[in-house]
N, C-alpha and C. Protein backbone atom coordinates (compact mmCIF):
# COMPACT_ATOMS: atom_id res chain seq x y z
N UNK A 1 0.85 -1.17 0.00
CA UNK A 1 0.00 0.00 0.00
C UNK A 1 0.89 1.24 0.00
N UNK A 2 0.60 2.18 -0.88
CA UNK A 2 1.39 3.39 -0.99
C UNK A 2 0.56 4.61 -0.64
N UNK A 3 1.18 5.52 0.07
CA UNK A 3 0.53 6.75 0.47
C UNK A 3 1.35 7.89 -0.13
N UNK A 4 0.91 8.45 -1.24
CA UNK A 4 1.68 9.46 -1.94
C UNK A 4 1.32 10.85 -1.44
N UNK A 5 2.35 11.62 -1.04
CA UNK A 5 2.13 12.96 -0.53
C UNK A 5 3.25 13.86 -1.00
N UNK A 6 2.92 15.09 -1.42
CA UNK A 6 4.00 16.02 -1.69
C UNK A 6 4.68 16.41 -0.37
N UNK A 7 5.93 16.80 -0.47
CA UNK A 7 6.71 17.14 0.72
C UNK A 7 6.11 18.30 1.50
N UNK A 8 5.33 19.18 0.87
CA UNK A 8 4.83 20.38 1.54
C UNK A 8 3.48 20.17 2.24
N UNK A 9 2.92 18.97 2.25
CA UNK A 9 1.62 18.73 2.85
C UNK A 9 1.59 19.11 4.33
N UNK A 10 2.68 18.85 5.05
CA UNK A 10 2.71 19.11 6.50
C UNK A 10 2.55 20.59 6.81
N UNK A 11 2.94 21.46 5.92
CA UNK A 11 2.85 22.90 6.17
C UNK A 11 1.40 23.30 6.39
N UNK A 12 0.48 22.73 5.65
CA UNK A 12 -0.94 23.05 5.78
C UNK A 12 -1.43 22.80 7.21
N UNK A 13 -1.08 21.63 7.77
CA UNK A 13 -1.56 21.29 9.10
C UNK A 13 -0.93 22.17 10.17
N UNK A 14 0.31 22.56 9.98
CA UNK A 14 0.97 23.46 10.92
C UNK A 14 0.28 24.82 10.93
N UNK A 15 -0.09 25.32 9.76
CA UNK A 15 -0.77 26.61 9.68
C UNK A 15 -2.16 26.55 10.28
N UNK A 16 -2.85 25.42 10.10
CA UNK A 16 -4.21 25.30 10.62
C UNK A 16 -4.22 25.32 12.15
N UNK A 17 -3.18 24.82 12.80
CA UNK A 17 -3.13 24.79 14.25
C UNK A 17 -3.17 26.20 14.82
N UNK A 18 -2.68 27.19 14.08
CA UNK A 18 -2.68 28.56 14.54
C UNK A 18 -4.05 29.22 14.50
N UNK A 19 -5.04 28.58 13.92
CA UNK A 19 -6.38 29.15 13.78
C UNK A 19 -7.25 28.90 15.00
N UNK A 20 -6.84 28.06 15.93
CA UNK A 20 -7.66 27.75 17.09
C UNK A 20 -7.66 28.92 18.06
N UNK A 21 -8.79 29.08 18.75
CA UNK A 21 -8.89 30.13 19.78
C UNK A 21 -8.03 29.71 20.98
N UNK A 22 -7.68 30.64 21.85
CA UNK A 22 -6.93 30.26 23.05
C UNK A 22 -7.64 29.19 23.88
N UNK A 23 -8.97 29.27 23.98
CA UNK A 23 -9.72 28.25 24.71
C UNK A 23 -9.55 26.88 24.04
N UNK A 24 -9.70 26.84 22.71
CA UNK A 24 -9.56 25.57 21.99
C UNK A 24 -8.14 25.01 22.13
N UNK A 25 -7.15 25.89 22.10
CA UNK A 25 -5.77 25.45 22.30
C UNK A 25 -5.59 24.87 23.69
N UNK A 26 -6.17 25.52 24.70
CA UNK A 26 -6.09 25.06 26.08
C UNK A 26 -6.72 23.67 26.22
N UNK A 27 -7.91 23.50 25.66
CA UNK A 27 -8.61 22.21 25.74
C UNK A 27 -7.83 21.14 25.00
N UNK A 28 -7.31 21.47 23.85
CA UNK A 28 -6.50 20.52 23.08
C UNK A 28 -5.28 20.09 23.87
N UNK A 29 -4.61 21.05 24.50
CA UNK A 29 -3.44 20.74 25.31
C UNK A 29 -3.84 19.87 26.51
N UNK A 30 -4.99 20.14 27.09
CA UNK A 30 -5.46 19.35 28.24
C UNK A 30 -5.72 17.90 27.85
N UNK A 31 -6.11 17.67 26.62
CA UNK A 31 -6.45 16.33 26.14
C UNK A 31 -5.27 15.54 25.58
N UNK A 32 -4.11 16.15 25.49
CA UNK A 32 -3.00 15.53 24.77
C UNK A 32 -2.65 14.13 25.29
N UNK A 33 -2.53 13.95 26.61
CA UNK A 33 -2.14 12.64 27.16
C UNK A 33 -3.26 11.61 26.98
N UNK A 34 -4.50 12.05 27.13
CA UNK A 34 -5.62 11.14 26.93
C UNK A 34 -5.67 10.67 25.48
N UNK A 35 -5.55 11.61 24.53
CA UNK A 35 -5.55 11.23 23.12
C UNK A 35 -4.42 10.26 22.81
N UNK A 36 -3.23 10.53 23.36
CA UNK A 36 -2.09 9.66 23.12
C UNK A 36 -2.35 8.26 23.66
N UNK A 37 -2.91 8.17 24.84
CA UNK A 37 -3.20 6.87 25.44
C UNK A 37 -4.28 6.13 24.64
N UNK A 38 -5.30 6.86 24.19
CA UNK A 38 -6.34 6.23 23.37
C UNK A 38 -5.77 5.70 22.05
N UNK A 39 -4.86 6.47 21.44
CA UNK A 39 -4.21 6.01 20.20
C UNK A 39 -3.36 4.77 20.48
N UNK A 40 -2.66 4.78 21.61
CA UNK A 40 -1.83 3.63 21.97
C UNK A 40 -2.70 2.39 22.17
N UNK A 41 -3.86 2.54 22.81
CA UNK A 41 -4.78 1.42 23.01
C UNK A 41 -5.23 0.87 21.67
N UNK A 42 -5.62 1.73 20.75
CA UNK A 42 -6.04 1.27 19.42
C UNK A 42 -4.91 0.53 18.71
N UNK A 43 -3.71 1.07 18.83
CA UNK A 43 -2.53 0.47 18.20
C UNK A 43 -2.28 -0.92 18.77
N UNK A 44 -2.29 -1.03 20.10
CA UNK A 44 -2.04 -2.32 20.75
C UNK A 44 -3.14 -3.33 20.42
N UNK A 45 -4.40 -2.88 20.43
CA UNK A 45 -5.50 -3.78 20.09
C UNK A 45 -5.34 -4.31 18.66
N UNK A 46 -4.96 -3.44 17.75
CA UNK A 46 -4.75 -3.87 16.36
C UNK A 46 -3.62 -4.89 16.26
N UNK A 47 -2.52 -4.63 16.95
CA UNK A 47 -1.40 -5.57 16.92
C UNK A 47 -1.81 -6.94 17.46
N UNK A 48 -2.52 -6.94 18.58
CA UNK A 48 -2.94 -8.20 19.19
C UNK A 48 -3.92 -8.94 18.28
N UNK A 49 -4.87 -8.19 17.70
CA UNK A 49 -5.86 -8.81 16.80
C UNK A 49 -5.17 -9.43 15.58
N UNK A 50 -4.18 -8.73 15.01
CA UNK A 50 -3.46 -9.24 13.84
C UNK A 50 -2.47 -10.34 14.21
N UNK A 51 -1.87 -10.21 15.39
CA UNK A 51 -0.83 -11.15 15.79
C UNK A 51 0.57 -10.66 15.43
N UNK A 52 0.68 -9.48 14.89
CA UNK A 52 1.96 -8.88 14.55
C UNK A 52 1.78 -7.37 14.45
N UNK A 53 2.89 -6.65 14.55
CA UNK A 53 2.87 -5.20 14.38
C UNK A 53 3.18 -4.87 12.93
N UNK A 54 2.93 -3.63 12.56
CA UNK A 54 3.25 -3.17 11.21
C UNK A 54 4.20 -1.98 11.33
N UNK A 55 5.35 -2.13 10.73
CA UNK A 55 6.34 -1.04 10.71
C UNK A 55 6.12 -0.25 9.42
N UNK A 56 5.91 1.06 9.56
CA UNK A 56 5.73 1.93 8.40
C UNK A 56 6.96 2.79 8.23
N UNK A 57 7.40 2.89 7.00
CA UNK A 57 8.57 3.70 6.70
C UNK A 57 8.28 4.54 5.46
N UNK A 58 8.50 5.85 5.58
CA UNK A 58 8.32 6.74 4.43
C UNK A 58 9.61 6.77 3.63
N UNK A 59 9.48 6.51 2.35
CA UNK A 59 10.64 6.48 1.47
C UNK A 59 10.46 7.58 0.42
N UNK A 60 11.43 8.49 0.34
CA UNK A 60 11.31 9.57 -0.64
C UNK A 60 11.63 9.08 -2.05
N UNK A 61 11.00 9.70 -3.03
CA UNK A 61 11.37 9.49 -4.42
C UNK A 61 11.19 10.81 -5.15
N UNK A 62 11.94 10.97 -6.22
CA UNK A 62 11.97 12.23 -6.95
C UNK A 62 11.27 12.07 -8.29
N UNK A 63 10.46 13.06 -8.61
CA UNK A 63 9.79 13.10 -9.91
C UNK A 63 10.38 14.28 -10.67
N UNK A 64 10.94 14.00 -11.84
CA UNK A 64 11.54 15.05 -12.65
C UNK A 64 10.42 15.90 -13.27
N UNK A 65 10.57 17.19 -13.13
CA UNK A 65 9.60 18.13 -13.70
C UNK A 65 10.35 19.20 -14.47
N UNK A 66 9.64 19.86 -15.31
CA UNK A 66 10.21 20.98 -16.07
C UNK A 66 9.44 22.24 -15.73
N UNK A 67 10.17 23.27 -15.34
CA UNK A 67 9.57 24.55 -15.01
C UNK A 67 10.12 25.60 -15.96
N UNK A 68 9.51 26.79 -15.89
CA UNK A 68 9.97 27.91 -16.71
C UNK A 68 10.44 29.04 -15.81
N UNK A 69 11.58 29.64 -16.17
CA UNK A 69 12.05 30.78 -15.38
C UNK A 69 11.35 32.05 -15.88
N UNK A 70 11.76 33.20 -15.35
CA UNK A 70 11.09 34.45 -15.70
C UNK A 70 11.25 34.83 -17.18
N UNK A 71 12.21 34.19 -17.88
CA UNK A 71 12.43 34.45 -19.31
C UNK A 71 11.78 33.37 -20.17
N UNK A 72 10.91 32.57 -19.54
CA UNK A 72 10.21 31.48 -20.22
C UNK A 72 11.17 30.39 -20.71
N UNK A 73 12.33 30.29 -20.07
CA UNK A 73 13.29 29.25 -20.42
C UNK A 73 13.06 28.05 -19.51
N UNK A 74 13.04 26.85 -20.10
CA UNK A 74 12.80 25.66 -19.28
C UNK A 74 14.02 25.30 -18.43
N UNK A 75 13.73 24.78 -17.26
CA UNK A 75 14.78 24.22 -16.41
C UNK A 75 14.17 23.07 -15.61
N UNK A 76 15.04 22.19 -15.16
CA UNK A 76 14.56 21.03 -14.41
C UNK A 76 14.30 21.44 -12.96
N UNK A 77 13.10 21.10 -12.47
CA UNK A 77 12.72 21.41 -11.09
C UNK A 77 12.06 20.18 -10.48
N UNK A 78 12.87 19.30 -9.97
CA UNK A 78 12.38 18.05 -9.41
C UNK A 78 11.49 18.28 -8.19
N UNK A 79 10.56 17.38 -7.99
CA UNK A 79 9.68 17.44 -6.84
C UNK A 79 9.82 16.13 -6.06
N UNK A 80 9.92 16.25 -4.74
CA UNK A 80 10.09 15.08 -3.89
C UNK A 80 8.72 14.64 -3.37
N UNK A 81 8.43 13.37 -3.52
CA UNK A 81 7.24 12.75 -2.98
C UNK A 81 7.68 11.63 -2.05
N UNK A 82 6.73 11.08 -1.30
CA UNK A 82 7.02 9.99 -0.38
C UNK A 82 6.01 8.89 -0.58
N UNK A 83 6.46 7.66 -0.48
CA UNK A 83 5.53 6.53 -0.40
C UNK A 83 5.87 5.76 0.86
N UNK A 84 4.86 5.12 1.42
CA UNK A 84 5.02 4.41 2.67
C UNK A 84 5.12 2.92 2.40
N UNK A 85 6.15 2.33 2.98
CA UNK A 85 6.34 0.89 2.89
C UNK A 85 5.98 0.30 4.25
N UNK A 86 5.10 -0.68 4.26
CA UNK A 86 4.70 -1.32 5.51
C UNK A 86 5.20 -2.75 5.51
N UNK A 87 5.84 -3.15 6.63
CA UNK A 87 6.34 -4.51 6.76
C UNK A 87 5.87 -5.09 8.09
N UNK A 88 5.52 -6.38 8.11
CA UNK A 88 5.09 -7.01 9.37
C UNK A 88 6.30 -7.20 10.30
N UNK A 89 6.04 -7.07 11.61
CA UNK A 89 7.07 -7.24 12.63
C UNK A 89 6.52 -8.17 13.70
N UNK A 90 7.30 -9.16 14.07
CA UNK A 90 6.88 -10.11 15.10
C UNK A 90 6.76 -9.39 16.45
N UNK A 91 5.76 -9.79 17.24
CA UNK A 91 5.56 -9.21 18.58
C UNK A 91 5.37 -10.32 19.60
N UNK A 92 5.57 -9.97 20.85
CA UNK A 92 5.25 -10.86 21.97
C UNK A 92 3.83 -10.48 22.40
N UNK A 93 2.87 -11.29 22.05
CA UNK A 93 1.46 -10.96 22.29
C UNK A 93 1.17 -10.77 23.77
N UNK A 94 1.78 -11.58 24.64
CA UNK A 94 1.51 -11.42 26.07
C UNK A 94 2.08 -10.09 26.58
N UNK A 95 3.23 -9.66 26.07
CA UNK A 95 3.78 -8.36 26.46
C UNK A 95 2.89 -7.23 25.95
N UNK A 96 2.38 -7.37 24.74
CA UNK A 96 1.46 -6.37 24.18
C UNK A 96 0.19 -6.30 25.02
N UNK A 97 -0.30 -7.45 25.47
CA UNK A 97 -1.51 -7.48 26.29
C UNK A 97 -1.27 -6.78 27.62
N UNK A 98 -0.08 -6.97 28.21
CA UNK A 98 0.24 -6.29 29.47
C UNK A 98 0.27 -4.78 29.27
N UNK A 99 0.86 -4.33 28.16
CA UNK A 99 0.88 -2.88 27.85
C UNK A 99 -0.53 -2.36 27.68
N UNK A 100 -1.37 -3.13 26.99
CA UNK A 100 -2.77 -2.74 26.76
C UNK A 100 -3.51 -2.64 28.09
N UNK A 101 -3.33 -3.61 28.96
CA UNK A 101 -3.99 -3.58 30.27
C UNK A 101 -3.56 -2.35 31.07
N UNK A 102 -2.26 -2.02 31.05
CA UNK A 102 -1.78 -0.83 31.77
C UNK A 102 -2.37 0.44 31.18
N UNK A 103 -2.42 0.53 29.86
CA UNK A 103 -2.97 1.72 29.21
C UNK A 103 -4.45 1.89 29.55
N UNK A 104 -5.19 0.79 29.51
CA UNK A 104 -6.63 0.86 29.86
C UNK A 104 -6.82 1.26 31.32
N UNK A 105 -5.94 0.78 32.19
CA UNK A 105 -6.03 1.12 33.61
C UNK A 105 -5.75 2.60 33.85
N UNK A 106 -4.97 3.22 32.99
CA UNK A 106 -4.64 4.65 33.12
C UNK A 106 -5.79 5.56 32.71
N UNK A 107 -6.72 5.06 31.91
CA UNK A 107 -7.79 5.91 31.34
C UNK A 107 -8.62 6.66 32.37
N UNK A 108 -9.14 6.04 33.44
CA UNK A 108 -9.97 6.80 34.38
C UNK A 108 -9.25 8.00 34.99
N UNK A 109 -8.00 7.82 35.39
CA UNK A 109 -7.24 8.93 35.97
C UNK A 109 -6.98 10.01 34.93
N UNK A 110 -6.68 9.61 33.70
CA UNK A 110 -6.46 10.60 32.65
C UNK A 110 -7.73 11.38 32.35
N UNK A 111 -8.86 10.70 32.31
CA UNK A 111 -10.13 11.39 32.04
C UNK A 111 -10.45 12.38 33.15
N UNK A 112 -10.19 12.01 34.39
CA UNK A 112 -10.43 12.92 35.52
C UNK A 112 -9.50 14.14 35.42
N UNK A 113 -8.25 13.90 35.06
CA UNK A 113 -7.30 15.01 34.91
C UNK A 113 -7.72 15.95 33.78
N UNK A 114 -8.18 15.38 32.67
CA UNK A 114 -8.65 16.20 31.55
C UNK A 114 -9.83 17.05 31.99
N UNK A 115 -10.76 16.46 32.72
CA UNK A 115 -11.94 17.20 33.18
C UNK A 115 -11.52 18.39 34.04
N UNK A 116 -10.55 18.17 34.96
CA UNK A 116 -10.05 19.27 35.79
C UNK A 116 -9.41 20.36 34.94
N UNK A 117 -8.57 19.94 34.00
CA UNK A 117 -7.87 20.92 33.16
C UNK A 117 -8.83 21.68 32.25
N UNK A 118 -9.86 21.01 31.73
CA UNK A 118 -10.85 21.69 30.88
C UNK A 118 -11.63 22.71 31.71
N UNK A 119 -11.97 22.37 32.96
CA UNK A 119 -12.63 23.35 33.83
C UNK A 119 -11.71 24.57 34.04
N UNK A 120 -10.43 24.35 34.16
CA UNK A 120 -9.47 25.44 34.25
C UNK A 120 -9.47 26.29 32.98
N UNK A 121 -9.57 25.63 31.83
CA UNK A 121 -9.64 26.37 30.56
C UNK A 121 -10.90 27.23 30.52
N UNK A 122 -12.01 26.67 31.02
CA UNK A 122 -13.28 27.40 31.02
C UNK A 122 -13.19 28.62 31.93
N UNK A 123 -12.49 28.47 33.07
CA UNK A 123 -12.31 29.62 33.97
C UNK A 123 -11.37 30.67 33.35
N UNK A 124 -10.33 30.18 32.70
CA UNK A 124 -9.35 31.11 32.11
C UNK A 124 -9.90 31.82 30.88
N UNK A 125 -10.72 31.13 30.09
CA UNK A 125 -11.28 31.70 28.86
C UNK A 125 -12.80 31.55 28.89
N UNK A 126 -13.50 32.32 29.71
CA UNK A 126 -14.94 32.11 29.86
C UNK A 126 -15.75 32.34 28.59
N UNK A 127 -15.26 33.17 27.69
CA UNK A 127 -16.00 33.42 26.45
C UNK A 127 -15.87 32.24 25.48
N UNK A 128 -14.92 31.36 25.74
CA UNK A 128 -14.73 30.18 24.88
C UNK A 128 -13.99 30.57 23.70
């Protein structure tokens, strides 16, 4: 499976992050550990269900292009793209299950912490 992306795609997402209000940024920051733990749980569940992990690696490749300068003269202007190579990796399913159990056990405390931090965001930015 290949995921083709121009090298500049990441710039769009970086610029979009600056559009959030201070309240939204505060709430997003408050949720960071919870989101990370939820992603880890999904990742571990997928590995256990499959019986192996998947290693993804982005590999660059160049596409030759022709551009025109200000005098309408052609010149070569290569563009870098990336494709993703995925390979199966053996895992210790019992170790993955222990990690999953620990991550699930962390969820209630993380959710309580997020709730406290979001209330702090609401106090700090009452207009939202």
